[in-house]
């Protein structure tokens, strides 16, 4: 059977305080499992390491959830070292043998889809994105504002290896979005 993508790349999300999946992560896993069952790809790269204050890697939690949804363990590749979107995708590229020209379906949250696509393509993937819908409108609005900041980071190259967002932008973004710093 010919598949549309070489892999589904499932982006991680910080776990709850007891290392349980948040509803947003569950929505991402559901979307990835559905794409797998639809035949989009024969493997899923579950991305996400152990963040500060946690005991479990996001990738391991997602792998268990995927298995609960009928995805066989041998179809799941665990990327358990990353802490953010750029690292998720960089490390997934290494596990897949490089990003250049590799066709992948990136699964993330709907508000995060544009940045995920831009990041994946910047790394060399031929990427499409499936965004899992969020159920809570206020969360979506708040996260959309943050995504605009991250998109500026990406466009300006501030997410590139060895670079970071200049301090003045933190103040500017806080002022633009009415957040206290």
N, C-alpha and C. Protein backbone atom coordinates (compact mmCIF):
# COMPACT_ATOMS: atom_id res chain seq x y z
N UNK A 1 0.84 -1.19 0.00
CA UNK A 1 0.00 0.00 0.00
C UNK A 1 0.89 1.25 0.00
N UNK A 2 0.62 2.16 -0.89
CA UNK A 2 1.38 3.41 -0.96
C UNK A 2 0.80 4.40 0.06
N UNK A 3 1.66 4.98 0.82
CA UNK A 3 1.22 5.92 1.85
C UNK A 3 1.53 7.35 1.41
N UNK A 4 0.72 8.30 1.82
CA UNK A 4 0.92 9.69 1.44
C UNK A 4 2.15 10.31 2.10
N UNK A 5 2.50 9.82 3.30
CA UNK A 5 3.60 10.40 4.08
C UNK A 5 4.55 9.31 4.55
N UNK A 6 5.81 9.70 4.74
CA UNK A 6 6.80 8.75 5.28
C UNK A 6 6.57 8.53 6.77
N UNK A 7 6.04 9.55 7.44
CA UNK A 7 5.78 9.43 8.88
C UNK A 7 4.78 10.50 9.32
N UNK A 8 4.14 10.21 10.42
CA UNK A 8 3.34 11.19 11.15
C UNK A 8 4.22 11.66 12.30
N UNK A 9 4.41 12.96 12.42
CA UNK A 9 5.21 13.51 13.51
C UNK A 9 4.24 14.15 14.50
N UNK A 10 4.10 13.53 15.66
CA UNK A 10 3.18 13.97 16.71
C UNK A 10 3.95 14.85 17.69
N UNK A 11 3.63 16.13 17.71
CA UNK A 11 4.34 17.07 18.58
C UNK A 11 3.84 16.96 20.02
N UNK A 12 4.77 17.06 20.95
CA UNK A 12 4.47 16.92 22.36
C UNK A 12 3.83 18.16 22.97
N UNK A 13 3.42 17.99 24.20
CA UNK A 13 2.81 19.07 24.99
C UNK A 13 3.05 18.73 26.45
N UNK A 14 3.37 19.74 27.24
CA UNK A 14 3.67 19.49 28.66
C UNK A 14 2.54 18.72 29.34
N UNK A 15 2.95 17.75 30.12
CA UNK A 15 2.00 16.92 30.86
C UNK A 15 1.45 17.67 32.06
N UNK A 16 0.38 17.16 32.63
CA UNK A 16 -0.19 17.73 33.84
C UNK A 16 0.73 17.52 35.04
N UNK A 17 0.38 18.07 36.16
CA UNK A 17 1.28 18.04 37.33
C UNK A 17 1.54 16.63 37.86
N UNK A 18 0.68 15.68 37.57
CA UNK A 18 0.91 14.28 37.96
C UNK A 18 1.30 13.42 36.76
N UNK A 19 1.91 14.07 35.76
CA UNK A 19 2.35 13.43 34.52
C UNK A 19 1.21 12.79 33.73
N UNK A 20 0.01 13.34 33.89
CA UNK A 20 -1.12 12.85 33.12
C UNK A 20 -1.27 13.72 31.86
N UNK A 21 -1.84 13.16 30.80
CA UNK A 21 -2.04 13.96 29.59
C UNK A 21 -3.15 14.99 29.80
N UNK A 22 -2.91 16.19 29.33
CA UNK A 22 -3.94 17.23 29.35
C UNK A 22 -4.90 16.97 28.19
N UNK A 23 -6.12 17.51 28.26
CA UNK A 23 -7.08 17.30 27.16
C UNK A 23 -6.53 17.69 25.79
N UNK A 24 -5.72 18.74 25.74
CA UNK A 24 -5.14 19.17 24.47
C UNK A 24 -4.20 18.09 23.90
N UNK A 25 -3.43 17.45 24.76
CA UNK A 25 -2.55 16.38 24.31
C UNK A 25 -3.37 15.18 23.84
N UNK A 26 -4.43 14.88 24.56
CA UNK A 26 -5.32 13.79 24.16
C UNK A 26 -5.89 14.04 22.76
N UNK A 27 -6.27 15.28 22.48
CA UNK A 27 -6.79 15.63 21.16
C UNK A 27 -5.73 15.41 20.08
N UNK A 28 -4.48 15.76 20.37
CA UNK A 28 -3.39 15.55 19.42
C UNK A 28 -3.19 14.05 19.16
N UNK A 29 -3.17 13.27 20.23
CA UNK A 29 -2.98 11.81 20.08
C UNK A 29 -4.13 11.20 19.28
N UNK A 30 -5.36 11.63 19.58
CA UNK A 30 -6.52 11.13 18.83
C UNK A 30 -6.37 11.43 17.34
N UNK A 31 -5.93 12.65 17.01
CA UNK A 31 -5.76 13.04 15.60
C UNK A 31 -4.66 12.21 14.93
N UNK A 32 -3.57 11.95 15.64
CA UNK A 32 -2.48 11.15 15.07
C UNK A 32 -2.92 9.70 14.86
N UNK A 33 -3.62 9.15 15.85
CA UNK A 33 -4.10 7.76 15.72
C UNK A 33 -5.09 7.64 14.55
N UNK A 34 -5.94 8.62 14.38
CA UNK A 34 -6.88 8.61 13.26
C UNK A 34 -6.13 8.67 11.93
N UNK A 35 -5.14 9.54 11.83
CA UNK A 35 -4.34 9.64 10.60
C UNK A 35 -3.66 8.31 10.30
N UNK A 36 -3.16 7.65 11.34
CA UNK A 36 -2.52 6.34 11.16
C UNK A 36 -3.54 5.32 10.64
N UNK A 37 -4.71 5.27 11.28
CA UNK A 37 -5.75 4.31 10.86
C UNK A 37 -6.24 4.59 9.43
N UNK A 38 -6.22 5.87 9.03
CA UNK A 38 -6.61 6.25 7.67
C UNK A 38 -5.54 5.88 6.64
N UNK A 39 -4.36 5.47 7.12
CA UNK A 39 -3.30 5.05 6.21
C UNK A 39 -2.37 6.16 5.76
N UNK A 40 -2.37 7.29 6.47
CA UNK A 40 -1.51 8.40 6.08
C UNK A 40 -0.03 8.02 6.09
N UNK A 41 0.37 7.19 7.05
CA UNK A 41 1.77 6.75 7.17
C UNK A 41 1.79 5.46 7.97
N UNK A 42 2.90 4.75 7.86
CA UNK A 42 3.04 3.49 8.59
C UNK A 42 3.74 3.62 9.92
N UNK A 43 4.15 4.85 10.26
CA UNK A 43 4.81 5.05 11.55
C UNK A 43 4.49 6.44 12.08
N UNK A 44 4.55 6.53 13.41
CA UNK A 44 4.33 7.79 14.11
C UNK A 44 5.56 8.08 14.96
N UNK A 45 6.10 9.29 14.83
CA UNK A 45 7.17 9.73 15.71
C UNK A 45 6.52 10.55 16.82
N UNK A 46 6.50 10.01 18.03
CA UNK A 46 5.93 10.70 19.20
C UNK A 46 7.05 11.52 19.83
N UNK A 47 6.90 12.84 19.85
CA UNK A 47 7.98 13.75 20.26
C UNK A 47 7.71 14.39 21.61
N UNK A 48 8.72 14.40 22.46
CA UNK A 48 8.63 15.14 23.72
C UNK A 48 9.41 14.46 24.82
N UNK A 49 10.26 15.22 25.47
CA UNK A 49 11.10 14.69 26.53
C UNK A 49 10.49 14.89 27.91
N UNK A 50 11.36 14.80 28.91
CA UNK A 50 10.96 15.00 30.30
C UNK A 50 11.22 16.46 30.64
N UNK A 51 10.17 17.22 30.90
CA UNK A 51 10.32 18.62 31.26
C UNK A 51 10.55 18.76 32.76
N UNK A 52 11.10 19.89 33.15
CA UNK A 52 11.38 20.15 34.56
C UNK A 52 10.10 19.97 35.39
N UNK A 53 10.25 19.28 36.50
CA UNK A 53 9.13 19.02 37.39
C UNK A 53 8.34 17.77 37.05
N UNK A 54 8.76 17.07 36.02
CA UNK A 54 8.06 15.85 35.60
C UNK A 54 8.98 14.64 35.70
N UNK A 55 8.38 13.47 35.74
CA UNK A 55 9.13 12.21 35.80
C UNK A 55 9.09 11.47 34.47
N UNK A 56 8.04 11.68 33.69
CA UNK A 56 7.84 10.92 32.46
C UNK A 56 8.09 11.78 31.22
N UNK A 57 8.56 11.13 30.18
CA UNK A 57 8.71 11.80 28.89
C UNK A 57 7.35 11.87 28.21
N UNK A 58 7.07 13.00 27.58
CA UNK A 58 5.83 13.16 26.83
C UNK A 58 5.71 12.05 25.79
N UNK A 59 6.81 11.71 25.13
CA UNK A 59 6.80 10.68 24.08
C UNK A 59 6.33 9.33 24.62
N UNK A 60 6.76 8.98 25.82
CA UNK A 60 6.36 7.70 26.41
C UNK A 60 4.87 7.68 26.75
N UNK A 61 4.38 8.79 27.28
CA UNK A 61 2.95 8.88 27.61
C UNK A 61 2.12 8.79 26.33
N UNK A 62 2.55 9.53 25.29
CA UNK A 62 1.81 9.49 24.03
C UNK A 62 1.86 8.11 23.39
N UNK A 63 3.01 7.43 23.49
CA UNK A 63 3.13 6.08 22.92
C UNK A 63 2.11 5.14 23.56
N UNK A 64 1.96 5.22 24.88
CA UNK A 64 0.96 4.39 25.56
C UNK A 64 -0.45 4.72 25.12
N UNK A 65 -0.72 6.00 24.94
CA UNK A 65 -2.04 6.42 24.48
C UNK A 65 -2.30 5.94 23.06
N UNK A 66 -1.29 6.02 22.20
CA UNK A 66 -1.44 5.54 20.83
C UNK A 66 -1.72 4.05 20.80
N UNK A 67 -1.02 3.29 21.64
CA UNK A 67 -1.27 1.84 21.71
C UNK A 67 -2.69 1.57 22.16
N UNK A 68 -3.18 2.35 23.13
CA UNK A 68 -4.56 2.20 23.59
C UNK A 68 -5.56 2.45 22.46
N UNK A 69 -5.13 3.20 21.44
CA UNK A 69 -5.99 3.53 20.31
C UNK A 69 -5.73 2.63 19.10
N UNK A 70 -5.00 1.54 19.32
CA UNK A 70 -4.82 0.53 18.28
C UNK A 70 -3.58 0.67 17.42
N UNK A 71 -2.69 1.60 17.73
CA UNK A 71 -1.45 1.73 16.96
C UNK A 71 -0.44 0.75 17.55
N UNK A 72 0.10 -0.16 16.74
CA UNK A 72 1.06 -1.14 17.27
C UNK A 72 2.36 -0.48 17.72
N UNK A 73 2.96 -1.04 18.75
CA UNK A 73 4.20 -0.48 19.31
C UNK A 73 5.30 -0.37 18.26
N UNK A 74 5.39 -1.32 17.35
CA UNK A 74 6.46 -1.27 16.35
C UNK A 74 6.24 -0.19 15.29
N UNK A 75 5.09 0.49 15.31
CA UNK A 75 4.83 1.61 14.41
C UNK A 75 5.12 2.95 15.09
N UNK A 76 5.52 2.90 16.36
CA UNK A 76 5.76 4.13 17.14
C UNK A 76 7.26 4.31 17.37
N UNK A 77 7.75 5.48 17.00
CA UNK A 77 9.14 5.86 17.27
C UNK A 77 9.09 6.91 18.37
N UNK A 78 9.80 6.67 19.45
CA UNK A 78 9.80 7.61 20.58
C UNK A 78 10.97 8.57 20.47
N UNK A 79 10.67 9.86 20.42
CA UNK A 79 11.68 10.91 20.46
C UNK A 79 11.52 11.55 21.82
N UNK A 80 12.36 11.17 22.78
CA UNK A 80 12.13 11.53 24.18
C UNK A 80 13.17 12.49 24.75
N UNK A 81 13.77 13.33 23.91
CA UNK A 81 14.79 14.27 24.38
C UNK A 81 14.39 15.73 24.23
N UNK A 82 13.41 16.04 23.42
CA UNK A 82 13.11 17.43 23.09
C UNK A 82 12.27 18.13 24.15
N UNK A 83 12.37 19.48 24.12
CA UNK A 83 11.63 20.30 25.08
C UNK A 83 10.74 21.34 24.42
N UNK A 84 10.83 21.52 23.10
CA UNK A 84 10.02 22.52 22.42
C UNK A 84 9.80 22.09 20.97
N UNK A 85 9.04 22.87 20.24
CA UNK A 85 8.65 22.53 18.87
C UNK A 85 9.87 22.33 17.97
N UNK A 86 10.80 23.27 18.02
CA UNK A 86 11.98 23.17 17.15
C UNK A 86 12.76 21.89 17.45
N UNK A 87 12.96 21.59 18.74
CA UNK A 87 13.67 20.36 19.10
C UNK A 87 12.86 19.12 18.71
N UNK A 88 11.52 19.18 18.88
CA UNK A 88 10.67 18.06 18.45
C UNK A 88 10.99 17.71 17.00
N UNK A 89 10.97 18.72 16.16
CA UNK A 89 11.13 18.50 14.72
C UNK A 89 12.58 18.18 14.34
N UNK A 90 13.55 18.83 14.97
CA UNK A 90 14.95 18.52 14.69
C UNK A 90 15.27 17.07 15.05
N UNK A 91 14.84 16.67 16.23
CA UNK A 91 15.12 15.31 16.68
C UNK A 91 14.36 14.28 15.86
N UNK A 92 13.13 14.60 15.46
CA UNK A 92 12.37 13.70 14.60
C UNK A 92 13.11 13.52 13.27
N UNK A 93 13.65 14.61 12.75
CA UNK A 93 14.41 14.52 11.49
C UNK A 93 15.58 13.56 11.63
N UNK A 94 16.29 13.63 12.74
CA UNK A 94 17.43 12.73 12.96
C UNK A 94 16.96 11.27 13.00
N UNK A 95 15.85 11.03 13.67
CA UNK A 95 15.34 9.66 13.78
C UNK A 95 14.84 9.12 12.44
N UNK A 96 14.42 10.02 11.55
CA UNK A 96 13.91 9.61 10.25
C UNK A 96 14.98 9.59 9.18
N UNK A 97 16.21 9.93 9.54
CA UNK A 97 17.29 9.93 8.55
C UNK A 97 17.45 11.24 7.81
N UNK A 98 16.98 12.32 8.41
CA UNK A 98 17.10 13.65 7.81
C UNK A 98 15.74 14.20 7.40
N UNK A 99 15.67 15.52 7.29
CA UNK A 99 14.42 16.18 6.94
C UNK A 99 14.32 16.50 5.46
N UNK A 100 15.44 16.75 4.82
CA UNK A 100 15.44 17.28 3.46
C UNK A 100 14.57 16.46 2.50
N UNK A 101 13.49 17.10 2.06
CA UNK A 101 12.60 16.48 1.10
C UNK A 101 11.70 15.39 1.64
N UNK A 102 11.84 15.06 2.92
CA UNK A 102 11.04 13.98 3.51
C UNK A 102 9.60 14.48 3.73
N UNK A 103 8.64 13.71 3.24
CA UNK A 103 7.23 14.09 3.34
C UNK A 103 6.64 13.56 4.64
N UNK A 104 6.18 14.49 5.50
CA UNK A 104 5.62 14.11 6.79
C UNK A 104 4.30 14.84 7.02
N UNK A 105 3.49 14.24 7.88
CA UNK A 105 2.28 14.88 8.38
C UNK A 105 2.55 15.23 9.84
N UNK A 106 2.57 16.50 10.16
CA UNK A 106 2.80 16.96 11.52
C UNK A 106 1.44 17.11 12.20
N UNK A 107 1.30 16.51 13.37
CA UNK A 107 0.05 16.61 14.13
C UNK A 107 0.32 17.44 15.38
N UNK A 108 -0.50 18.46 15.57
CA UNK A 108 -0.37 19.36 16.70
C UNK A 108 -1.75 19.94 17.01
N UNK A 109 -1.82 21.00 17.77
CA UNK A 109 -3.09 21.68 18.06
C UNK A 109 -3.39 22.69 16.95
N UNK A 110 -4.67 23.01 16.76
CA UNK A 110 -5.05 23.89 15.66
C UNK A 110 -4.37 25.26 15.72
N UNK A 111 -4.29 25.86 16.90
CA UNK A 111 -3.68 27.18 17.00
C UNK A 111 -2.18 27.15 16.68
N UNK A 112 -1.58 25.99 16.76
CA UNK A 112 -0.14 25.80 16.61
C UNK A 112 0.24 25.36 15.20
N UNK A 113 -0.76 25.13 14.34
CA UNK A 113 -0.52 24.52 13.03
C UNK A 113 0.37 25.37 12.13
N UNK A 114 0.14 26.66 12.05
CA UNK A 114 0.93 27.51 11.16
C UNK A 114 2.40 27.50 11.55
N UNK A 115 2.70 27.69 12.83
CA UNK A 115 4.09 27.69 13.28
C UNK A 115 4.73 26.32 13.08
N UNK A 116 3.99 25.26 13.35
CA UNK A 116 4.54 23.91 13.17
C UNK A 116 4.90 23.68 11.71
N UNK A 117 4.02 24.10 10.80
CA UNK A 117 4.29 23.93 9.36
C UNK A 117 5.52 24.73 8.96
N UNK A 118 5.58 25.99 9.39
CA UNK A 118 6.73 26.84 9.04
C UNK A 118 8.03 26.27 9.59
N UNK A 119 8.00 25.79 10.82
CA UNK A 119 9.20 25.22 11.44
C UNK A 119 9.64 23.97 10.71
N UNK A 120 8.70 23.09 10.41
CA UNK A 120 9.04 21.84 9.72
C UNK A 120 9.62 22.13 8.34
N UNK A 121 9.03 23.06 7.63
CA UNK A 121 9.53 23.38 6.29
C UNK A 121 10.87 24.08 6.36
N UNK A 122 11.08 24.90 7.37
CA UNK A 122 12.38 25.56 7.55
C UNK A 122 13.49 24.53 7.72
N UNK A 123 13.16 23.42 8.38
CA UNK A 123 14.14 22.35 8.59
C UNK A 123 14.33 21.48 7.35
N UNK A 124 13.47 21.63 6.35
CA UNK A 124 13.62 20.87 5.11
C UNK A 124 12.57 19.82 4.85
N UNK A 125 11.65 19.61 5.80
CA UNK A 125 10.57 18.66 5.57
C UNK A 125 9.61 19.18 4.50
N UNK A 126 9.04 18.29 3.74
CA UNK A 126 7.88 18.60 2.92
C UNK A 126 6.69 18.25 3.81
N UNK A 127 6.20 19.22 4.53
CA UNK A 127 5.26 18.95 5.62
C UNK A 127 3.87 19.51 5.36
N UNK A 128 2.90 18.70 5.74
CA UNK A 128 1.52 19.15 5.89
C UNK A 128 1.22 19.03 7.38
N UNK A 129 0.17 19.72 7.83
CA UNK A 129 -0.16 19.71 9.25
C UNK A 129 -1.63 19.38 9.44
N UNK A 130 -1.89 18.58 10.46
CA UNK A 130 -3.26 18.32 10.90
C UNK A 130 -3.37 18.90 12.30
N UNK A 131 -4.24 19.89 12.46
CA UNK A 131 -4.41 20.53 13.76
C UNK A 131 -5.60 19.96 14.50
N UNK A 132 -5.34 19.45 15.70
CA UNK A 132 -6.42 18.95 16.56
C UNK A 132 -7.16 20.15 17.15
N UNK A 133 -8.46 20.12 17.08
CA UNK A 133 -9.27 21.24 17.56
C UNK A 133 -9.31 21.29 19.08
N UNK A 134 -9.19 22.50 19.61
CA UNK A 134 -9.34 22.70 21.05
C UNK A 134 -10.80 22.96 21.36
N UNK A 135 -11.20 22.59 22.56
CA UNK A 135 -12.60 22.75 22.92
C UNK A 135 -12.87 24.03 23.71
N UNK A 136 -11.87 24.65 24.27
CA UNK A 136 -12.08 25.81 25.13
C UNK A 136 -11.62 27.07 24.40
N UNK A 137 -12.56 27.95 24.04
CA UNK A 137 -12.25 29.13 23.25
C UNK A 137 -11.24 30.07 23.89
N UNK A 138 -11.32 30.29 25.20
CA UNK A 138 -10.39 31.22 25.86
C UNK A 138 -8.95 30.71 25.78
N UNK A 139 -8.75 29.41 25.95
CA UNK A 139 -7.41 28.84 25.80
C UNK A 139 -6.91 29.08 24.39
N UNK A 140 -7.77 28.87 23.41
CA UNK A 140 -7.38 29.06 22.02
C UNK A 140 -6.95 30.51 21.77
N UNK A 141 -7.71 31.47 22.27
CA UNK A 141 -7.36 32.88 22.06
C UNK A 141 -6.03 33.23 22.73
N UNK A 142 -5.83 32.77 23.95
CA UNK A 142 -4.59 33.06 24.67
C UNK A 142 -3.39 32.43 23.96
N UNK A 143 -3.54 31.20 23.53
CA UNK A 143 -2.43 30.53 22.86
C UNK A 143 -2.17 31.13 21.49
N UNK A 144 -3.17 31.60 20.80
CA UNK A 144 -2.99 32.23 19.49
C UNK A 144 -2.09 33.47 19.63
N UNK A 145 -2.29 34.24 20.71
CA UNK A 145 -1.42 35.41 20.94
C UNK A 145 0.02 34.98 21.09
N UNK A 146 0.26 33.94 21.88
CA UNK A 146 1.62 33.45 22.07
C UNK A 146 2.21 32.94 20.75
N UNK A 147 1.37 32.32 19.93
CA UNK A 147 1.85 31.82 18.64
C UNK A 147 2.36 32.95 17.77
N UNK A 148 1.73 34.12 17.84
CA UNK A 148 2.20 35.25 17.05
C UNK A 148 3.63 35.63 17.46
N UNK A 149 3.93 35.56 18.73
CA UNK A 149 5.29 35.83 19.20
C UNK A 149 6.26 34.79 18.66
N UNK A 150 5.88 33.53 18.73
CA UNK A 150 6.75 32.47 18.24
C UNK A 150 6.94 32.57 16.73
N UNK A 151 5.89 32.99 16.01
CA UNK A 151 6.03 33.16 14.56
C UNK A 151 7.05 34.26 14.25
N UNK A 152 7.02 35.34 15.04
CA UNK A 152 8.02 36.40 14.86
C UNK A 152 9.41 35.83 15.10
N UNK A 153 9.55 35.00 16.13
CA UNK A 153 10.84 34.35 16.40
C UNK A 153 11.32 33.57 15.19
N UNK A 154 10.40 32.83 14.60
CA UNK A 154 10.75 31.97 13.47
C UNK A 154 11.14 32.80 12.25
N UNK A 155 10.32 33.81 11.93
CA UNK A 155 10.59 34.65 10.76
C UNK A 155 11.93 35.39 10.91
N UNK A 156 12.22 35.85 12.12
CA UNK A 156 13.45 36.61 12.35
C UNK A 156 14.67 35.71 12.56
N UNK A 157 14.45 34.40 12.59
CA UNK A 157 15.57 33.48 12.77
C UNK A 157 15.98 33.31 14.21
N UNK A 158 15.16 33.78 15.14
CA UNK A 158 15.53 33.71 16.56
C UNK A 158 15.39 32.30 17.12
N UNK A 159 14.81 31.37 16.37
CA UNK A 159 14.74 29.98 16.82
C UNK A 159 15.85 29.15 16.20
N UNK A 160 16.65 29.75 15.35
CA UNK A 160 17.74 29.00 14.72
C UNK A 160 18.76 28.59 15.76
N UNK A 161 19.53 27.56 15.42
CA UNK A 161 20.54 27.01 16.33
C UNK A 161 21.43 28.11 16.89
N UNK A 162 21.54 28.18 18.20
CA UNK A 162 22.46 29.12 18.85
C UNK A 162 21.95 30.54 18.96
N UNK A 163 20.71 30.80 18.56
CA UNK A 163 20.17 32.17 18.65
C UNK A 163 19.00 32.17 19.63
N UNK A 164 18.69 33.33 20.15
CA UNK A 164 17.52 33.45 21.02
C UNK A 164 16.88 34.81 20.79
N UNK A 165 15.66 34.93 21.26
CA UNK A 165 14.90 36.17 21.11
C UNK A 165 15.58 37.28 21.90
N UNK A 166 15.81 38.44 21.27
CA UNK A 166 16.39 39.57 22.00
C UNK A 166 15.48 40.02 23.14
N UNK A 167 16.08 40.47 24.22
CA UNK A 167 15.33 40.85 25.42
C UNK A 167 14.29 41.93 25.14
N UNK A 168 14.58 42.87 24.24
CA UNK A 168 13.63 43.95 23.99
C UNK A 168 12.32 43.44 23.44
N UNK A 169 12.35 42.29 22.74
CA UNK A 169 11.11 41.78 22.16
C UNK A 169 10.16 41.24 23.21
N UNK A 170 10.71 40.74 24.31
CA UNK A 170 9.86 40.24 25.39
C UNK A 170 8.98 41.36 25.91
N UNK A 171 9.58 42.52 26.13
CA UNK A 171 8.82 43.69 26.61
C UNK A 171 7.82 44.16 25.56
N UNK A 172 8.26 44.18 24.30
CA UNK A 172 7.37 44.62 23.23
C UNK A 172 6.16 43.70 23.12
N UNK A 173 6.37 42.39 23.09
CA UNK A 173 5.27 41.45 22.97
C UNK A 173 4.33 41.56 24.16
N UNK A 174 4.88 41.75 25.35
CA UNK A 174 4.03 41.90 26.54
C UNK A 174 3.16 43.14 26.42
N UNK A 175 3.74 44.23 25.92
CA UNK A 175 2.97 45.47 25.76
C UNK A 175 1.88 45.31 24.70
N UNK A 176 2.23 44.70 23.57
CA UNK A 176 1.28 44.53 22.47
C UNK A 176 0.09 43.67 22.91
N UNK A 177 0.37 42.62 23.69
CA UNK A 177 -0.69 41.70 24.08
C UNK A 177 -1.26 41.98 25.47
N UNK A 178 -0.86 43.12 26.08
CA UNK A 178 -1.42 43.53 27.35
C UNK A 178 -1.11 42.60 28.50
N UNK A 179 0.06 41.97 28.48
CA UNK A 179 0.46 41.09 29.55
C UNK A 179 1.43 41.80 30.47
N UNK A 180 1.37 41.48 31.76
CA UNK A 180 2.28 42.08 32.72
C UNK A 180 3.57 41.29 32.76
N UNK A 181 4.66 41.99 32.82
CA UNK A 181 5.98 41.35 32.90
C UNK A 181 6.71 41.90 34.08
